[in-house]
PDB file of N, CA and C in Angstrom:
ATOM      1  N   MET A   1      29.869  22.609 -63.603  1.00  0.00           N
ATOM      2  CA  MET A   1      30.144  21.232 -63.943  1.00  0.00           C
ATOM      3  C   MET A   1      31.063  21.128 -65.167  1.00  0.00           C
ATOM      4  N   LYS A   2      31.104  22.162 -65.984  1.00  0.00           N
ATOM      5  CA  LYS A   2      31.940  22.129 -67.177  1.00  0.00           C
ATOM      6  C   LYS A   2      33.413  21.955 -66.823  1.00  0.00           C
ATOM      7  N   ILE A   3      33.845  22.569 -65.746  1.00  0.00           N
ATOM      8  CA  ILE A   3      35.247  22.438 -65.336  1.00  0.00           C
ATOM      9  C   ILE A   3      35.595  20.976 -65.019  1.00  0.00           C
ATOM     10  N   TYR A   4      34.642  20.238 -64.443  1.00  0.00           N
ATOM     11  CA  TYR A   4      34.876  18.824 -64.166  1.00  0.00           C
ATOM     12  C   TYR A   4      34.937  18.035 -65.476  1.00  0.00           C
ATOM     13  N   GLU A   5      33.999  18.303 -66.369  1.00  0.00           N
ATOM     14  CA  GLU A   5      33.977  17.605 -67.654  1.00  0.00           C
ATOM     15  C   GLU A   5      35.267  17.849 -68.434  1.00  0.00           C
ATOM     16  N   ASP A   6      35.763  19.075 -68.399  1.00  0.00           N
ATOM     17  CA  ASP A   6      37.014  19.396 -69.087  1.00  0.00           C
ATOM     18  C   ASP A   6      38.197  18.630 -68.501  1.00  0.00           C
ATOM     19  N   SER A   7      38.089  18.236 -67.237  1.00  0.00           N
ATOM     20  CA  SER A   7      39.145  17.463 -66.574  1.00  0.00           C
ATOM     21  C   SER A   7      38.933  15.961 -66.718  1.00  0.00           C
ATOM     22  N   GLY A   8      37.874  15.551 -67.417  1.00  0.00           N
ATOM     23  CA  GLY A   8      37.589  14.136 -67.612  1.00  0.00           C
ATOM     24  C   GLY A   8      36.840  13.495 -66.461  1.00  0.00           C
ATOM     25  N   ILE A   9      36.270  14.305 -65.576  1.00  0.00           N
ATOM     26  CA  ILE A   9      35.525  13.794 -64.429  1.00  0.00           C
ATOM     27  C   ILE A   9      34.042  13.747 -64.776  1.00  0.00           C
ATOM     28  N   ILE A  10      33.402  12.632 -64.492  1.00  0.00           N
ATOM     29  CA  ILE A  10      31.975  12.465 -64.737  1.00  0.00           C
ATOM     30  C   ILE A  10      31.247  12.546 -63.397  1.00  0.00           C
ATOM     31  N   ILE A  11      30.236  13.389 -63.342  1.00  0.00           N
ATOM     32  CA  ILE A  11      29.370  13.481 -62.161  1.00  0.00           C
ATOM     33  C   ILE A  11      27.943  13.304 -62.638  1.00  0.00           C
ATOM     34  N   ARG A  12      27.231  12.367 -62.049  1.00  0.00           N
ATOM     35  CA  ARG A  12      25.829  12.127 -62.403  1.00  0.00           C
ATOM     36  C   ARG A  12      24.994  12.159 -61.130  1.00  0.00           C
ATOM     37  N   CYS A  13      23.826  12.782 -61.226  1.00  0.00           N
ATOM     38  CA  CYS A  13      22.948  12.915 -60.065  1.00  0.00           C
ATOM     39  C   CYS A  13      21.550  12.403 -60.379  1.00  0.00           C
ATOM     40  N   CYS A  14      20.888  11.963 -59.344  1.00  0.00           N
ATOM     41  CA  CYS A  14      19.493  11.554 -59.390  1.00  0.00           C
ATOM     42  C   CYS A  14      18.798  12.321 -58.262  1.00  0.00           C
ATOM     43  N   GLU A  15      17.613  12.822 -58.511  1.00  0.00           N
ATOM     44  CA  GLU A  15      16.927  13.666 -57.522  1.00  0.00           C
ATOM     45  C   GLU A  15      16.177  12.886 -56.439  1.00  0.00           C
ATOM     46  N   GLU A  16      15.396  11.876 -56.828  1.00  0.00           N
ATOM     47  CA  GLU A  16      14.502  11.239 -55.858  1.00  0.00           C
ATOM     48  C   GLU A  16      14.645   9.733 -55.883  1.00  0.00           C
ATOM     49  N   PRO A  17      15.189   9.098 -54.907  1.00  0.00           N
ATOM     50  CA  PRO A  17      15.910   9.707 -53.806  1.00  0.00           C
ATOM     51  C   PRO A  17      17.269  10.198 -54.301  1.00  0.00           C
ATOM     52  N   PHE A  18      17.854  11.103 -53.572  1.00  0.00           N
ATOM     53  CA  PHE A  18      19.115  11.704 -53.987  1.00  0.00           C
ATOM     54  C   PHE A  18      20.203  10.636 -54.110  1.00  0.00           C
ATOM     55  N   ALA A  19      20.911  10.698 -55.221  1.00  0.00           N
ATOM     56  CA  ALA A  19      22.076   9.834 -55.437  1.00  0.00           C
ATOM     57  C   ALA A  19      23.018  10.561 -56.385  1.00  0.00           C
ATOM     58  N   MET A  20      24.308  10.399 -56.154  1.00  0.00           N
ATOM     59  CA  MET A  20      25.311  11.048 -57.001  1.00  0.00           C
ATOM     60  C   MET A  20      26.520  10.133 -57.124  1.00  0.00           C
ATOM     61  N   ILE A  21      27.080  10.051 -58.332  1.00  0.00           N
ATOM     62  CA  ILE A  21      28.312   9.292 -58.533  1.00  0.00           C
ATOM     63  C   ILE A  21      29.388  10.221 -59.069  1.00  0.00           C
ATOM     64  N   ILE A  22      30.627   9.886 -58.739  1.00  0.00           N
ATOM     65  CA  ILE A  22      31.786  10.605 -59.248  1.00  0.00           C
ATOM     66  C   ILE A  22      32.713   9.570 -59.882  1.00  0.00           C
ATOM     67  N   VAL A  23      33.081   9.833 -61.137  1.00  0.00           N
ATOM     68  CA  VAL A  23      33.986   8.948 -61.859  1.00  0.00           C
ATOM     69  C   VAL A  23      35.134   9.803 -62.403  1.00  0.00           C
ATOM     70  N   THR A  24      36.339   9.546 -61.927  1.00  0.00           N
ATOM     71  CA  THR A  24      37.531  10.276 -62.374  1.00  0.00           C
ATOM     72  C   THR A  24      38.214   9.500 -63.509  1.00  0.00           C
ATOM     73  N   PRO A  25      39.170  10.102 -64.195  1.00  0.00           N
ATOM     74  CA  PRO A  25      39.896   9.357 -65.231  1.00  0.00           C
ATOM     75  C   PRO A  25      40.581   8.085 -64.696  1.00  0.00           C
ATOM     76  N   ILE A  26      41.086   8.132 -63.490  1.00  0.00           N
ATOM     77  CA  ILE A  26      41.714   6.932 -62.905  1.00  0.00           C
ATOM     78  C   ILE A  26      40.664   5.848 -62.663  1.00  0.00           C
ATOM     79  N   ILE A  27      39.486   6.252 -62.218  1.00  0.00           N
ATOM     80  CA  ILE A  27      38.395   5.288 -62.016  1.00  0.00           C
ATOM     81  C   ILE A  27      38.008   4.655 -63.347  1.00  0.00           C
ATOM     82  N   LYS A  28      37.917   5.452 -64.402  1.00  0.00           N
ATOM     83  CA  LYS A  28      37.598   4.905 -65.733  1.00  0.00           C
ATOM     84  C   LYS A  28      38.622   3.844 -66.129  1.00  0.00           C
ATOM     85  N   ARG A  29      39.902   4.149 -65.912  1.00  0.00           N
ATOM     86  CA  ARG A  29      40.960   3.188 -66.243  1.00  0.00           C
ATOM     87  C   ARG A  29      40.845   1.923 -65.414  1.00  0.00           C
ATOM     88  N   ALA A  30      40.465   2.069 -64.157  1.00  0.00           N
ATOM     89  CA  ALA A  30      40.363   0.909 -63.267  1.00  0.00           C
ATOM     90  C   ALA A  30      39.319  -0.086 -63.754  1.00  0.00           C
ATOM     91  N   HIS A  31      38.317   0.373 -64.472  1.00  0.00           N
ATOM     92  CA  HIS A  31      37.289  -0.535 -65.000  1.00  0.00           C
ATOM     93  C   HIS A  31      37.839  -1.437 -66.098  1.00  0.00           C
ATOM     94  N   ASN A  32      39.050  -1.152 -66.591  1.00  0.00           N
ATOM     95  CA  ASN A  32      39.694  -2.017 -67.576  1.00  0.00           C
ATOM     96  C   ASN A  32      40.492  -3.147 -66.935  1.00  0.00           C
ATOM     97  N   LEU A  33      40.681  -3.081 -65.618  1.00  0.00           N
ATOM     98  CA  LEU A  33      41.418  -4.138 -64.923  1.00  0.00           C
ATOM     99  C   LEU A  33      40.619  -5.442 -64.936  1.00  0.00           C
ATOM    100  N   LYS A  34      41.310  -6.543 -65.127  1.00  0.00           N
ATOM    101  CA  LYS A  34      40.661  -7.861 -65.102  1.00  0.00           C
ATOM    102  C   LYS A  34      39.928  -8.079 -63.776  1.00  0.00           C
ATOM    103  N   SER A  35      40.560  -7.663 -62.674  1.00  0.00           N
ATOM    104  CA  SER A  35      39.961  -7.882 -61.349  1.00  0.00           C
ATOM    105  C   SER A  35      38.674  -7.092 -61.148  1.00  0.00           C
ATOM    106  N   SER A  36      38.451  -6.009 -61.912  1.00  0.00           N
ATOM    107  CA  SER A  36      37.215  -5.245 -61.752  1.00  0.00           C
ATOM    108  C   SER A  36      35.997  -6.025 -62.224  1.00  0.00           C
ATOM    109  N   GLY A  37      36.205  -7.030 -63.059  1.00  0.00           N
ATOM    110  CA  GLY A  37      35.111  -7.887 -63.494  1.00  0.00           C
ATOM    111  C   GLY A  37      34.982  -9.142 -62.665  1.00  0.00           C
ATOM    112  N   GLU A  38      35.894  -9.337 -61.729  1.00  0.00           N
ATOM    113  CA  GLU A  38      35.885 -10.548 -60.911  1.00  0.00           C
ATOM    114  C   GLU A  38      35.280 -10.312 -59.539  1.00  0.00           C
ATOM    115  N   ILE A  39      35.890  -9.420 -58.755  1.00  0.00           N
ATOM    116  CA  ILE A  39      35.407  -9.189 -57.396  1.00  0.00           C
ATOM    117  C   ILE A  39      35.454  -7.700 -57.089  1.00  0.00           C
ATOM    118  N   VAL A  40      34.363  -7.192 -56.540  1.00  0.00           N
ATOM    119  CA  VAL A  40      34.243  -5.772 -56.225  1.00  0.00           C
ATOM    120  C   VAL A  40      33.738  -5.639 -54.794  1.00  0.00           C
ATOM    121  N   PHE A  41      34.316  -4.697 -54.070  1.00  0.00           N
ATOM    122  CA  PHE A  41      33.914  -4.408 -52.696  1.00  0.00           C
ATOM    123  C   PHE A  41      33.209  -3.064 -52.672  1.00  0.00           C
ATOM    124  N   VAL A  42      32.139  -2.956 -51.905  1.00  0.00           N
ATOM    125  CA  VAL A  42      31.465  -1.672 -51.696  1.00  0.00           C
ATOM    126  C   VAL A  42      31.506  -1.395 -50.197  1.00  0.00           C
ATOM    127  N   ASP A  43      32.155  -0.302 -49.836  1.00  0.00           N
ATOM    128  CA  ASP A  43      32.305   0.072 -48.432  1.00  0.00           C
ATOM    129  C   ASP A  43      31.638   1.421 -48.214  1.00  0.00           C
ATOM    130  N   SER A  44      30.614   1.442 -47.347  1.00  0.00           N
ATOM    131  CA  SER A  44      29.857   2.666 -47.077  1.00  0.00           C
ATOM    132  C   SER A  44      30.219   3.233 -45.720  1.00  0.00           C
ATOM    133  N   THR A  45      29.977   4.539 -45.576  1.00  0.00           N
ATOM    134  CA  THR A  45      30.151   5.158 -44.264  1.00  0.00           C
ATOM    135  C   THR A  45      29.190   4.485 -43.299  1.00  0.00           C
ATOM    136  N   SER A  46      29.640   4.218 -42.087  1.00  0.00           N
ATOM    137  CA  SER A  46      28.822   3.458 -41.138  1.00  0.00           C
ATOM    138  C   SER A  46      27.708   4.288 -40.508  1.00  0.00           C
ATOM    139  N   SER A  47      27.863   5.576 -40.476  1.00  0.00           N
ATOM    140  CA  SER A  47      26.803   6.431 -39.948  1.00  0.00           C
ATOM    141  C   SER A  47      26.591   7.580 -40.914  1.00  0.00           C
ATOM    142  N   SER A  48      25.534   8.301 -40.691  1.00  0.00           N
ATOM    143  CA  SER A  48      25.223   9.386 -41.622  1.00  0.00           C
ATOM    144  C   SER A  48      26.317  10.445 -41.613  1.00  0.00           C
ATOM    145  N   CYS A  49      26.528  11.042 -42.766  1.00  0.00           N
ATOM    146  CA  CYS A  49      27.573  12.061 -42.926  1.00  0.00           C
ATOM    147  C   CYS A  49      27.087  13.440 -42.519  1.00  0.00           C
ATOM    148  N   ASP A  50      25.783  13.638 -42.516  1.00  0.00           N
ATOM    149  CA  ASP A  50      25.223  14.955 -42.236  1.00  0.00           C
ATOM    150  C   ASP A  50      23.817  14.807 -41.661  1.00  0.00           C
ATOM    151  N   THR A  51      23.162  15.919 -41.440  1.00  0.00           N
ATOM    152  CA  THR A  51      21.817  15.881 -40.839  1.00  0.00           C
ATOM    153  C   THR A  51      20.768  15.319 -41.782  1.00  0.00           C
ATOM    154  N   ASP A  52      21.073  15.232 -43.076  1.00  0.00           N
ATOM    155  CA  ASP A  52      20.129  14.668 -44.042  1.00  0.00           C
ATOM    156  C   ASP A  52      20.315  13.164 -44.235  1.00  0.00           C
ATOM    157  N   ASN A  53      21.214  12.544 -43.465  1.00  0.00           N
ATOM    158  CA  ASN A  53      21.426  11.097 -43.475  1.00  0.00           C
ATOM    159  C   ASN A  53      22.029  10.576 -44.784  1.00  0.00           C
ATOM    160  N   HIS A  54      22.876  11.369 -45.437  1.00  0.00           N
ATOM    161  CA  HIS A  54      23.553  10.905 -46.646  1.00  0.00           C
ATOM    162  C   HIS A  54      24.632   9.895 -46.293  1.00  0.00           C
ATOM    163  N   SER A  55      24.906   9.018 -47.228  1.00  0.00           N
ATOM    164  CA  SER A  55      25.933   7.998 -47.055  1.00  0.00           C
ATOM    165  C   SER A  55      26.884   8.064 -48.248  1.00  0.00           C
ATOM    166  N   ILE A  56      28.159   7.834 -48.011  1.00  0.00           N
ATOM    167  CA  ILE A  56      29.141   7.789 -49.091  1.00  0.00           C
ATOM    168  C   ILE A  56      29.657   6.354 -49.200  1.00  0.00           C
ATOM    169  N   ALA A  57      29.567   5.806 -50.394  1.00  0.00           N
ATOM    170  CA  ALA A  57      30.030   4.440 -50.636  1.00  0.00           C
ATOM    171  C   ALA A  57      31.183   4.475 -51.630  1.00  0.00           C
ATOM    172  N   PHE A  58      32.195   3.685 -51.347  1.00  0.00           N
ATOM    173  CA  PHE A  58      33.347   3.549 -52.237  1.00  0.00           C
ATOM    174  C   PHE A  58      33.298   2.157 -52.844  1.00  0.00           C
ATOM    175  N   MET A  59      33.321   2.088 -54.162  1.00  0.00           N
ATOM    176  CA  MET A  59      33.365   0.817 -54.862  1.00  0.00           C
ATOM    177  C   MET A  59      34.826   0.577 -55.233  1.00  0.00           C
ATOM    178  N   LEU A  60      35.366  -0.582 -54.808  1.00  0.00           N
ATOM    179  CA  LEU A  60      36.791  -0.878 -54.991  1.00  0.00           C
ATOM    180  C   LEU A  60      36.989  -2.273 -55.568  1.00  0.00           C
ATOM    181  N   CYS A  61      38.141  -2.446 -56.243  1.00  0.00           N
ATOM    182  CA  CYS A  61      38.536  -3.787 -56.661  1.00  0.00           C
ATOM    183  C   CYS A  61      40.009  -3.979 -56.314  1.00  0.00           C
ATOM    184  N   PRO A  62      40.415  -5.216 -56.086  1.00  0.00           N
ATOM    185  CA  PRO A  62      41.819  -5.462 -55.762  1.00  0.00           C
ATOM    186  C   PRO A  62      42.695  -5.343 -57.003  1.00  0.00           C
ATOM    187  N   CYS A  63      43.937  -4.926 -56.788  1.00  0.00           N
ATOM    188  CA  CYS A  63      44.926  -4.892 -57.867  1.00  0.00           C
ATOM    189  C   CYS A  63      46.304  -5.081 -57.240  1.00  0.00           C
ATOM    190  N   SER A  64      47.325  -5.104 -58.045  1.00  0.00           N
ATOM    191  CA  SER A  64      48.666  -5.358 -57.531  1.00  0.00           C
ATOM    192  C   SER A  64      49.145  -4.255 -56.586  1.00  0.00           C
ATOM    193  N   ALA A  65      48.574  -3.072 -56.681  1.00  0.00           N
ATOM    194  CA  ALA A  65      48.958  -1.966 -55.799  1.00  0.00           C
ATOM    195  C   ALA A  65      48.092  -1.884 -54.543  1.00  0.00           C
ATOM    196  N   GLY A  66      47.155  -2.786 -54.393  1.00  0.00           N
ATOM    197  CA  GLY A  66      46.230  -2.763 -53.245  1.00  0.00           C
ATOM    198  C   GLY A  66      44.801  -2.766 -53.746  1.00  0.00           C
ATOM    199  N   ALA A  67      44.063  -1.707 -53.443  1.00  0.00           N
ATOM    200  CA  ALA A  67      42.691  -1.579 -53.921  1.00  0.00           C
ATOM    201  C   ALA A  67      42.583  -0.291 -54.725  1.00  0.00           C
ATOM    202  N   VAL A  68      41.788  -0.334 -55.772  1.00  0.00           N
ATOM    203  CA  VAL A  68      41.601   0.837 -56.623  1.00  0.00           C
ATOM    204  C   VAL A  68      40.104   1.161 -56.693  1.00  0.00           C
ATOM    205  N   HIS A  69      39.786   2.444 -56.736  1.00  0.00           N
ATOM    206  CA  HIS A  69      38.394   2.891 -56.769  1.00  0.00           C
ATOM    207  C   HIS A  69      37.764   2.628 -58.134  1.00  0.00           C
ATOM    208  N   LEU A  70      36.511   2.172 -58.098  1.00  0.00           N
ATOM    209  CA  LEU A  70      35.715   2.010 -59.308  1.00  0.00           C
ATOM    210  C   LEU A  70      34.574   3.022 -59.357  1.00  0.00           C
ATOM    211  N   ALA A  71      34.259   3.635 -58.218  1.00  0.00           N
ATOM    212  CA  ALA A  71      33.234   4.687 -58.151  1.00  0.00           C
ATOM    213  C   ALA A  71      33.184   5.250 -56.743  1.00  0.00           C
ATOM    214  N   VAL A  72      32.696   6.472 -56.653  1.00  0.00           N
ATOM    215  CA  VAL A  72      32.357   7.095 -55.375  1.00  0.00           C
ATOM    216  C   VAL A  72      30.883   7.446 -55.493  1.00  0.00           C
ATOM    217  N   ILE A  73      30.078   6.900 -54.594  1.00  0.00           N
ATOM    218  CA  ILE A  73      28.623   7.028 -54.693  1.00  0.00           C
ATOM    219  C   ILE A  73      28.077   7.646 -53.411  1.00  0.00           C
ATOM    220  N   THR A  74      27.303   8.713 -53.550  1.00  0.00           N
ATOM    221  CA  THR A  74      26.638   9.340 -52.407  1.00  0.00           C
ATOM    222  C   THR A  74      25.148   9.065 -52.539  1.00  0.00           C
ATOM    223  N   THR A  75      24.545   8.566 -51.457  1.00  0.00           N
ATOM    224  CA  THR A  75      23.106   8.268 -51.469  1.00  0.00           C
ATOM    225  C   THR A  75      22.437   8.873 -50.248  1.00  0.00           C
ATOM    226  N   LYS A  76      21.132   8.955 -50.317  1.00  0.00           N
ATOM    227  CA  LYS A  76      20.349   9.423 -49.173  1.00  0.00           C
ATOM    228  C   LYS A  76      19.972   8.177 -48.374  1.00  0.00           C
ATOM    229  N   GLY A  77      20.790   7.845 -47.393  1.00  0.00           N
ATOM    230  CA  GLY A  77      20.507   6.702 -46.527  1.00  0.00           C
ATOM    231  C   GLY A  77      21.136   5.410 -46.994  1.00  0.00           C
ATOM    232  N   HIS A  78      20.779   4.333 -46.276  1.00  0.00           N
ATOM    233  CA  HIS A  78      21.367   3.011 -46.517  1.00  0.00           C
ATOM    234  C   HIS A  78      20.343   1.999 -47.017  1.00  0.00           C
ATOM    235  N   THR A  79      19.242   2.437 -47.600  1.00  0.00           N
ATOM    236  CA  THR A  79      18.224   1.490 -48.042  1.00  0.00           C
ATOM    237  C   THR A  79      18.610   0.852 -49.374  1.00  0.00           C
ATOM    238  N   GLU A  80      17.999  -0.281 -49.664  1.00  0.00           N
ATOM    239  CA  GLU A  80      18.244  -0.949 -50.946  1.00  0.00           C
ATOM    240  C   GLU A  80      17.869  -0.018 -52.103  1.00  0.00           C
ATOM    241  N   HIS A  81      16.738   0.654 -51.959  1.00  0.00           N
ATOM    242  CA  HIS A  81      16.276   1.581 -52.994  1.00  0.00           C
ATOM    243  C   HIS A  81      17.309   2.685 -53.232  1.00  0.00           C
ATOM    244  N   SER A  82      17.894   3.212 -52.162  1.00  0.00           N
ATOM    245  CA  SER A  82      18.917   4.256 -52.292  1.00  0.00           C
ATOM    246  C   SER A  82      20.139   3.748 -53.043  1.00  0.00           C
ATOM    247  N   TYR A  83      20.571   2.543 -52.718  1.00  0.00           N
ATOM    248  CA  TYR A  83      21.741   1.986 -53.392  1.00  0.00           C
ATOM    249  C   TYR A  83      21.464   1.679 -54.865  1.00  0.00           C
ATOM    250  N   VAL A  84      20.268   1.186 -55.169  1.00  0.00           N
ATOM    251  CA  VAL A  84      19.909   0.945 -56.572  1.00  0.00           C
ATOM    252  C   VAL A  84      19.984   2.251 -57.341  1.00  0.00           C
ATOM    253  N   LYS A  85      19.422   3.304 -56.781  1.00  0.00           N
ATOM    254  CA  LYS A  85      19.472   4.624 -57.425  1.00  0.00           C
ATOM    255  C   LYS A  85      20.909   5.141 -57.521  1.00  0.00           C
ATOM    256  N   GLY A  86      21.741   4.776 -56.578  1.00  0.00           N
ATOM    257  CA  GLY A  86      23.137   5.195 -56.599  1.00  0.00           C
ATOM    258  C   GLY A  86      23.964   4.478 -57.644  1.00  0.00           C
ATOM    259  N   PHE A  87      23.660   3.200 -57.890  1.00  0.00           N
ATOM    260  CA  PHE A  87      24.416   2.421 -58.862  1.00  0.00           C
ATOM    261  C   PHE A  87      23.974   2.688 -60.303  1.00  0.00           C
ATOM    262  N   GLN A  88      22.725   3.054 -60.510  1.00  0.00           N
ATOM    263  CA  GLN A  88      22.218   3.275 -61.869  1.00  0.00           C
ATOM    264  C   GLN A  88      23.002   4.338 -62.640  1.00  0.00           C
ATOM    265  N   PRO A  89      23.313   5.491 -62.060  1.00  0.00           N
ATOM    266  CA  PRO A  89      24.071   6.489 -62.829  1.00  0.00           C
ATOM    267  C   PRO A  89      25.451   5.990 -63.269  1.00  0.00           C
ATOM    268  N   LEU A  90      26.026   5.043 -62.543  1.00  0.00           N
ATOM    269  CA  LEU A  90      27.319   4.488 -62.942  1.00  0.00           C
ATOM    270  C   LEU A  90      27.179   3.770 -64.281  1.00  0.00           C
ATOM    271  N   GLN A  91      26.114   3.008 -64.433  1.00  0.00           N
ATOM    272  CA  GLN A  91      25.869   2.299 -65.695  1.00  0.00           C
ATOM    273  C   GLN A  91      25.660   3.280 -66.843  1.00  0.00           C
ATOM    274  N   GLU A  92      25.054   4.422 -66.542  1.00  0.00           N
ATOM    275  CA  GLU A  92      24.805   5.426 -67.573  1.00  0.00           C
ATOM    276  C   GLU A  92      26.079   6.215 -67.913  1.00  0.00           C
ATOM    277  N   ALA A  93      26.962   6.382 -66.951  1.00  0.00           N
ATOM    278  CA  ALA A  93      28.152   7.218 -67.134  1.00  0.00           C
ATOM    279  C   ALA A  93      29.266   6.519 -67.902  1.00  0.00           C
ATOM    280  N   LEU A  94      29.384   5.210 -67.755  1.00  0.00           N
ATOM    281  CA  LEU A  94      30.479   4.469 -68.388  1.00  0.00           C
ATOM    282  C   LEU A  94      29.950   3.412 -69.350  1.00  0.00           C
ATOM    283  N   GLU A  95      30.587   3.314 -70.499  1.00  0.00           N
ATOM    284  CA  GLU A  95      30.192   2.311 -71.481  1.00  0.00           C
ATOM    285  C   GLU A  95      30.758   0.932 -71.154  1.00  0.00           C
ATOM    286  N   LYS A  96      32.005   0.907 -70.669  1.00  0.00           N
ATOM    287  CA  LYS A  96      32.690  -0.364 -70.434  1.00  0.00           C
ATOM    288  C   LYS A  96      32.928  -0.548 -68.941  1.00  0.00           C
ATOM    289  N   LEU A  97      31.941  -1.071 -68.270  1.00  0.00           N
ATOM    290  CA  LEU A  97      32.045  -1.316 -66.836  1.00  0.00           C
ATOM    291  C   LEU A  97      32.672  -2.677 -66.559  1.00  0.00           C
ATOM    292  N   PHE A  98      33.389  -2.771 -65.475  1.00  0.00           N
ATOM    293  CA  PHE A  98      33.863  -4.047 -64.938  1.00  0.00           C
ATOM    294  C   PHE A  98      34.523  -4.932 -65.993  1.00  0.00           C
ATOM    295  N   ASN A  99      35.526  -4.364 -66.670  1.00  0.00           N
ATOM    296  CA  ASN A  99      36.283  -5.093 -67.686  1.00  0.00           C
ATOM    297  C   ASN A  99      35.362  -5.636 -68.792  1.00  0.00           C
ATOM    298  N   ASN A 100      34.433  -4.798 -69.217  1.00  0.00           N
ATOM    299  CA  ASN A 100      33.470  -5.110 -70.290  1.00  0.00           C
ATOM    300  C   ASN A 100      32.483  -6.217 -69.950  1.00  0.00           C
ATOM    301  N   LYS A 101      32.272  -6.491 -68.664  1.00  0.00           N
ATOM    302  CA  LYS A 101      31.332  -7.540 -68.269  1.00  0.00           C
ATOM    303  C   LYS A 101      29.976  -6.995 -67.821  1.00  0.00           C
ATOM    304  N   ALA A 102      29.853  -5.667 -67.677  1.00  0.00           N
ATOM    305  CA  ALA A 102      28.627  -4.986 -67.229  1.00  0.00           C
ATOM    306  C   ALA A 102      28.368  -5.164 -65.732  1.00  0.00           C
ATOM    307  N   HIS A 103      28.920  -6.211 -65.132  1.00  0.00           N
ATOM    308  CA  HIS A 103      28.799  -6.413 -63.681  1.00  0.00           C
ATOM    309  C   HIS A 103      29.918  -7.352 -63.235  1.00  0.00           C
ATOM    310  N   PRO A 104      30.326  -7.231 -61.977  1.00  0.00           N
ATOM    311  CA  PRO A 104      31.371  -8.148 -61.491  1.00  0.00           C
ATOM    312  C   PRO A 104      30.796  -9.529 -61.208  1.00  0.00           C
ATOM    313  N   GLU A 105      31.653 -10.527 -61.185  1.00  0.00           N
ATOM    314  CA  GLU A 105      31.210 -11.878 -60.826  1.00  0.00           C
ATOM    315  C   GLU A 105      30.758 -11.925 -59.373  1.00  0.00           C
ATOM    316  N   ILE A 106      31.487 -11.207 -58.490  1.00  0.00           N
ATOM    317  CA  ILE A 106      31.172 -11.185 -57.060  1.00  0.00           C
ATOM    318  C   ILE A 106      31.155  -9.744 -56.591  1.00  0.00           C
ATOM    319  N   LEU A 107      30.120  -9.367 -55.848  1.00  0.00           N
ATOM    320  CA  LEU A 107      30.013  -8.045 -55.264  1.00  0.00           C
ATOM    321  C   LEU A 107      29.847  -8.215 -53.752  1.00  0.00           C
ATOM    322  N   ILE A 108      30.759  -7.651 -52.995  1.00  0.00           N
ATOM    323  CA  ILE A 108      30.733  -7.771 -51.532  1.00  0.00           C
ATOM    324  C   ILE A 108      30.449  -6.406 -50.943  1.00  0.00           C
ATOM    325  N   THR A 109      29.463  -6.332 -50.043  1.00  0.00           N
ATOM    326  CA  THR A 109      29.147  -5.078 -49.364  1.00  0.00           C
ATOM    327  C   THR A 109      29.484  -5.205 -47.880  1.00  0.00           C
ATOM    328  N   ASP A 110      29.504  -4.085 -47.208  1.00  0.00           N
ATOM    329  CA  ASP A 110      29.825  -4.103 -45.787  1.00  0.00           C
ATOM    330  C   ASP A 110      28.590  -4.308 -44.912  1.00  0.00           C
ATOM    331  N   ASP A 111      27.409  -4.336 -45.489  1.00  0.00           N
ATOM    332  CA  ASP A 111      26.173  -4.582 -44.703  1.00  0.00           C
ATOM    333  C   ASP A 111      25.509  -5.835 -45.176  1.00  0.00           C
TER     334      ASP A 111
END
């Protein structure tokens, strides 16, 4: 994990239920965008990625170039509990989320 930290990449994991977030330097910068505090989209894989039923969710916000990533979240399944556990490490990993608002005004999911 040190090689990731040296590159400015943050990886946080939770054991039960399994959840993991990945935050790259570009993702950190994207949280400074005004639109990251206004509207955020969360798009998850529609079916399980593997035999353990993991799901990958991409958190995105609109910008002048299209959409930019705010997080990559892997969870065990599609339950509310799994997503809560998946979002918590993001709050712990970054000090200034969603343009310093701690949460977006609107959060849209695909389910």
